[in-house]
C-alpha atoms as a PDB file:
ATOM      1  CA  GLN A   1     -13.344 -20.307  52.509  1.00  0.00           C
ATOM      2  CA  VAL A   2     -10.017 -19.247  53.978  1.00  0.00           C
ATOM      3  CA  GLN A   3      -8.861 -20.842  57.214  1.00  0.00           C
ATOM      4  CA  LEU A   4      -7.143 -18.361  59.515  1.00  0.00           C
ATOM      5  CA  ALA A   5      -5.023 -19.182  62.552  1.00  0.00           C
ATOM      6  CA  GLU A   6      -3.980 -16.467  64.993  1.00  0.00           C
ATOM      7  CA  SER A   7      -1.161 -16.666  67.477  1.00  0.00           C
ATOM      8  CA  GLY A   8       0.928 -14.396  69.661  1.00  0.00           C
ATOM      9  CA  GLY A   9      -1.539 -13.304  72.293  1.00  0.00           C
ATOM     10  CA  GLY A  10      -0.824 -13.378  75.997  1.00  0.00           C
ATOM     11  CA  LEU A  11      -0.435 -11.394  79.184  1.00  0.00           C
ATOM     12  CA  VAL A  12       1.682  -8.250  79.068  1.00  0.00           C
ATOM     13  CA  GLN A  13       2.218  -5.304  81.380  1.00  0.00           C
ATOM     14  CA  PRO A  14       1.090  -1.802  80.431  1.00  0.00           C
ATOM     15  CA  GLY A  15       3.606  -0.208  78.115  1.00  0.00           C
ATOM     16  CA  GLY A  16       4.708  -3.573  76.779  1.00  0.00           C
ATOM     17  CA  SER A  17       4.559  -5.046  73.293  1.00  0.00           C
ATOM     18  CA  LEU A  18       3.132  -8.072  71.534  1.00  0.00           C
ATOM     19  CA  ARG A  19       3.124  -9.234  67.933  1.00  0.00           C
ATOM     20  CA  LEU A  20       0.146 -11.145  66.659  1.00  0.00           C
ATOM     21  CA  SER A  21       0.367 -13.398  63.616  1.00  0.00           C
ATOM     22  CA  CYS A  22      -2.371 -14.685  61.363  1.00  0.00           C
ATOM     23  CA  VAL A  23      -1.543 -17.508  58.970  1.00  0.00           C
ATOM     24  CA  ALA A  24      -3.955 -18.179  56.125  1.00  0.00           C
ATOM     25  CA  SER A  25      -4.610 -21.562  54.520  1.00  0.00           C
ATOM     26  CA  GLU A  26      -4.206 -20.107  51.053  1.00  0.00           C
ATOM     27  CA  SER A  27      -2.584 -17.215  49.288  1.00  0.00           C
ATOM     28  CA  ILE A  28      -3.580 -13.829  50.667  1.00  0.00           C
ATOM     29  CA  ALA A  29      -2.190 -11.926  47.694  1.00  0.00           C
ATOM     30  CA  SER A  30      -5.584 -11.810  46.011  1.00  0.00           C
ATOM     31  CA  ILE A  31      -7.646 -11.172  49.138  1.00  0.00           C
ATOM     32  CA  ASN A  32      -9.035  -7.659  49.071  1.00  0.00           C
ATOM     33  CA  THR A  33      -8.558  -6.816  52.719  1.00  0.00           C
ATOM     34  CA  MET A  34      -6.847  -8.498  55.638  1.00  0.00           C
ATOM     35  CA  GLY A  35      -7.640  -7.073  59.010  1.00  0.00           C
ATOM     36  CA  TRP A  36      -7.517  -7.382  62.751  1.00  0.00           C
ATOM     37  CA  TYR A  37     -10.574  -6.881  64.933  1.00  0.00           C
ATOM     38  CA  ARG A  38     -11.004  -7.111  68.655  1.00  0.00           C
ATOM     39  CA  GLN A  39     -13.809  -7.748  71.067  1.00  0.00           C
ATOM     40  CA  ALA A  40     -13.727  -6.928  74.745  1.00  0.00           C
ATOM     41  CA  PRO A  41     -16.234  -8.474  77.196  1.00  0.00           C
ATOM     42  CA  GLY A  42     -19.657  -6.904  76.780  1.00  0.00           C
ATOM     43  CA  MET A  43     -18.532  -4.896  73.764  1.00  0.00           C
ATOM     44  CA  GLN A  44     -19.079  -5.155  70.050  1.00  0.00           C
ATOM     45  CA  ARG A  45     -16.344  -6.384  67.793  1.00  0.00           C
ATOM     46  CA  GLU A  46     -14.410  -3.445  66.389  1.00  0.00           C
ATOM     47  CA  LEU A  47     -11.895  -2.916  63.637  1.00  0.00           C
ATOM     48  CA  VAL A  48      -8.357  -2.395  64.886  1.00  0.00           C
ATOM     49  CA  ALA A  49      -6.372  -2.271  61.656  1.00  0.00           C
ATOM     50  CA  ALA A  50      -6.681  -3.387  58.059  1.00  0.00           C
ATOM     51  CA  THR A  51      -4.513  -3.613  54.972  1.00  0.00           C
ATOM     52  CA  THR A  52      -5.653  -3.929  51.381  1.00  0.00           C
ATOM     53  CA  ARG A  53      -3.969  -5.896  48.620  1.00  0.00           C
ATOM     54  CA  GLY A  54      -3.076  -2.542  47.102  1.00  0.00           C
ATOM     55  CA  GLY A  55      -1.020  -1.709  50.184  1.00  0.00           C
ATOM     56  CA  SER A  56      -3.189   0.866  51.889  1.00  0.00           C
ATOM     57  CA  MET A  57      -3.702   0.641  55.618  1.00  0.00           C
ATOM     58  CA  ASN A  58      -6.144   2.070  58.100  1.00  0.00           C
ATOM     59  CA  TYR A  59      -6.279   2.070  61.879  1.00  0.00           C
ATOM     60  CA  ALA A  60      -8.738   2.725  64.636  1.00  0.00           C
ATOM     61  CA  GLU A  61      -8.092   6.108  66.209  1.00  0.00           C
ATOM     62  CA  SER A  62      -7.415   4.473  69.553  1.00  0.00           C
ATOM     63  CA  VAL A  63      -4.408   2.536  68.216  1.00  0.00           C
ATOM     64  CA  LYS A  64      -2.871   4.976  65.753  1.00  0.00           C
ATOM     65  CA  GLY A  65       0.801   5.475  66.445  1.00  0.00           C
ATOM     66  CA  ARG A  66       0.965   2.363  68.627  1.00  0.00           C
ATOM     67  CA  PHE A  67      -0.079  -0.535  66.394  1.00  0.00           C
ATOM     68  CA  THR A  68       1.280  -1.500  62.984  1.00  0.00           C
ATOM     69  CA  ILE A  69      -0.289  -3.940  60.556  1.00  0.00           C
ATOM     70  CA  SER A  70       1.762  -5.658  57.889  1.00  0.00           C
ATOM     71  CA  ARG A  71       1.383  -8.550  55.477  1.00  0.00           C
ATOM     72  CA  ASP A  72       3.822 -11.043  54.037  1.00  0.00           C
ATOM     73  CA  ASN A  73       2.189 -12.500  50.952  1.00  0.00           C
ATOM     74  CA  ALA A  74       4.961 -15.050  50.495  1.00  0.00           C
ATOM     75  CA  LYS A  75       4.152 -16.525  53.904  1.00  0.00           C
ATOM     76  CA  ASN A  76       0.383 -15.996  53.671  1.00  0.00           C
ATOM     77  CA  THR A  77       0.678 -14.149  56.965  1.00  0.00           C
ATOM     78  CA  VAL A  78      -0.587 -10.898  58.421  1.00  0.00           C
ATOM     79  CA  TYR A  79       0.962  -9.361  61.505  1.00  0.00           C
ATOM     80  CA  LEU A  80      -0.151  -6.869  64.098  1.00  0.00           C
ATOM     81  CA  GLN A  81       2.680  -5.255  66.036  1.00  0.00           C
ATOM     82  CA  MET A  82       1.279  -3.757  69.203  1.00  0.00           C
ATOM     83  CA  ASP A  83       3.428  -1.345  71.206  1.00  0.00           C
ATOM     84  CA  SER A  84       2.730   0.852  74.220  1.00  0.00           C
ATOM     85  CA  LEU A  85      -0.103  -1.429  75.209  1.00  0.00           C
ATOM     86  CA  LYS A  86      -2.776  -0.144  77.559  1.00  0.00           C
ATOM     87  CA  PRO A  87      -5.236  -1.994  79.797  1.00  0.00           C
ATOM     88  CA  GLU A  88      -8.039  -0.896  77.464  1.00  0.00           C
ATOM     89  CA  ASP A  89      -6.402  -2.924  74.682  1.00  0.00           C
ATOM     90  CA  THR A  90      -7.418  -6.076  76.536  1.00  0.00           C
ATOM     91  CA  ALA A  91      -9.652  -8.130  74.252  1.00  0.00           C
ATOM     92  CA  VAL A  92      -9.848 -11.179  72.039  1.00  0.00           C
ATOM     93  CA  TYR A  93      -8.197 -10.308  68.742  1.00  0.00           C
ATOM     94  CA  TYR A  94      -9.549 -11.822  65.549  1.00  0.00           C
ATOM     95  CA  CYS A  95      -8.029 -12.047  62.112  1.00  0.00           C
ATOM     96  CA  ASN A  96     -10.316 -11.315  59.181  1.00  0.00           C
ATOM     97  CA  ALA A  97     -10.095 -11.962  55.457  1.00  0.00           C
ATOM     98  CA  ARG A  98     -12.532 -10.039  53.306  1.00  0.00           C
ATOM     99  CA  ARG A  99     -13.106 -10.866  49.682  1.00  0.00           C
ATOM    100  CA  VAL A 100     -15.232  -8.800  47.366  1.00  0.00           C
ATOM    101  CA  ALA A 101     -16.809 -10.609  44.427  1.00  0.00           C
ATOM    102  CA  TRP A 102     -19.561  -9.866  41.967  1.00  0.00           C
ATOM    103  CA  SER A 103     -21.800 -12.039  44.121  1.00  0.00           C
ATOM    104  CA  GLY A 104     -21.144 -10.191  47.352  1.00  0.00           C
ATOM    105  CA  ILE A 105     -18.748  -9.627  50.227  1.00  0.00           C
ATOM    106  CA  TYR A 106     -17.306 -12.646  52.006  1.00  0.00           C
ATOM    107  CA  ASP A 107     -15.739 -12.566  55.453  1.00  0.00           C
ATOM    108  CA  ASP A 108     -13.677 -15.343  57.025  1.00  0.00           C
ATOM    109  CA  TRP A 109     -12.591 -15.258  60.657  1.00  0.00           C
ATOM    110  CA  GLY A 110     -10.012 -16.913  62.824  1.00  0.00           C
ATOM    111  CA  GLN A 111     -10.732 -18.344  66.256  1.00  0.00           C
ATOM    112  CA  GLY A 112      -9.181 -15.396  68.060  1.00  0.00           C
ATOM    113  CA  THR A 113      -6.302 -14.913  70.442  1.00  0.00           C
ATOM    114  CA  GLN A 114      -6.574 -13.372  73.893  1.00  0.00           C
ATOM    115  CA  VAL A 115      -4.563 -10.259  74.714  1.00  0.00           C
ATOM    116  CA  THR A 116      -4.524  -9.153  78.340  1.00  0.00           C
ATOM    117  CA  VAL A 117      -2.775  -5.966  79.420  1.00  0.00           C
ATOM    118  CA  SER A 118      -2.438  -5.835  83.171  1.00  0.00           C
ATOM    119  CA  SER A 119       0.104  -5.189  85.895  1.00  0.00           C
END
């Protein structure tokens, strides 16, 4: 099981930026997919962005062109750069590590970090 610790959330005005960090307790180089999800009050958790160990990335349509996911394997860290933030980006953001093995798919989650976009 991978321990994940998010940081970088906070209160920001519309149009502002934040960078979230997710530090893993072990090497992420072999983890199939590292991703960021978010959950707003009363809503289901949704994928925001993900990056595979092969280097591919995918984004939710709502954040394309505004958010950038990156990973630093040497630091066991995944980042989410969020620019041009909107009030609808307000949510708890969770880091996810997904491993795929012959025995199944395994997901580990961080505790989450609150992002609030408001004037």
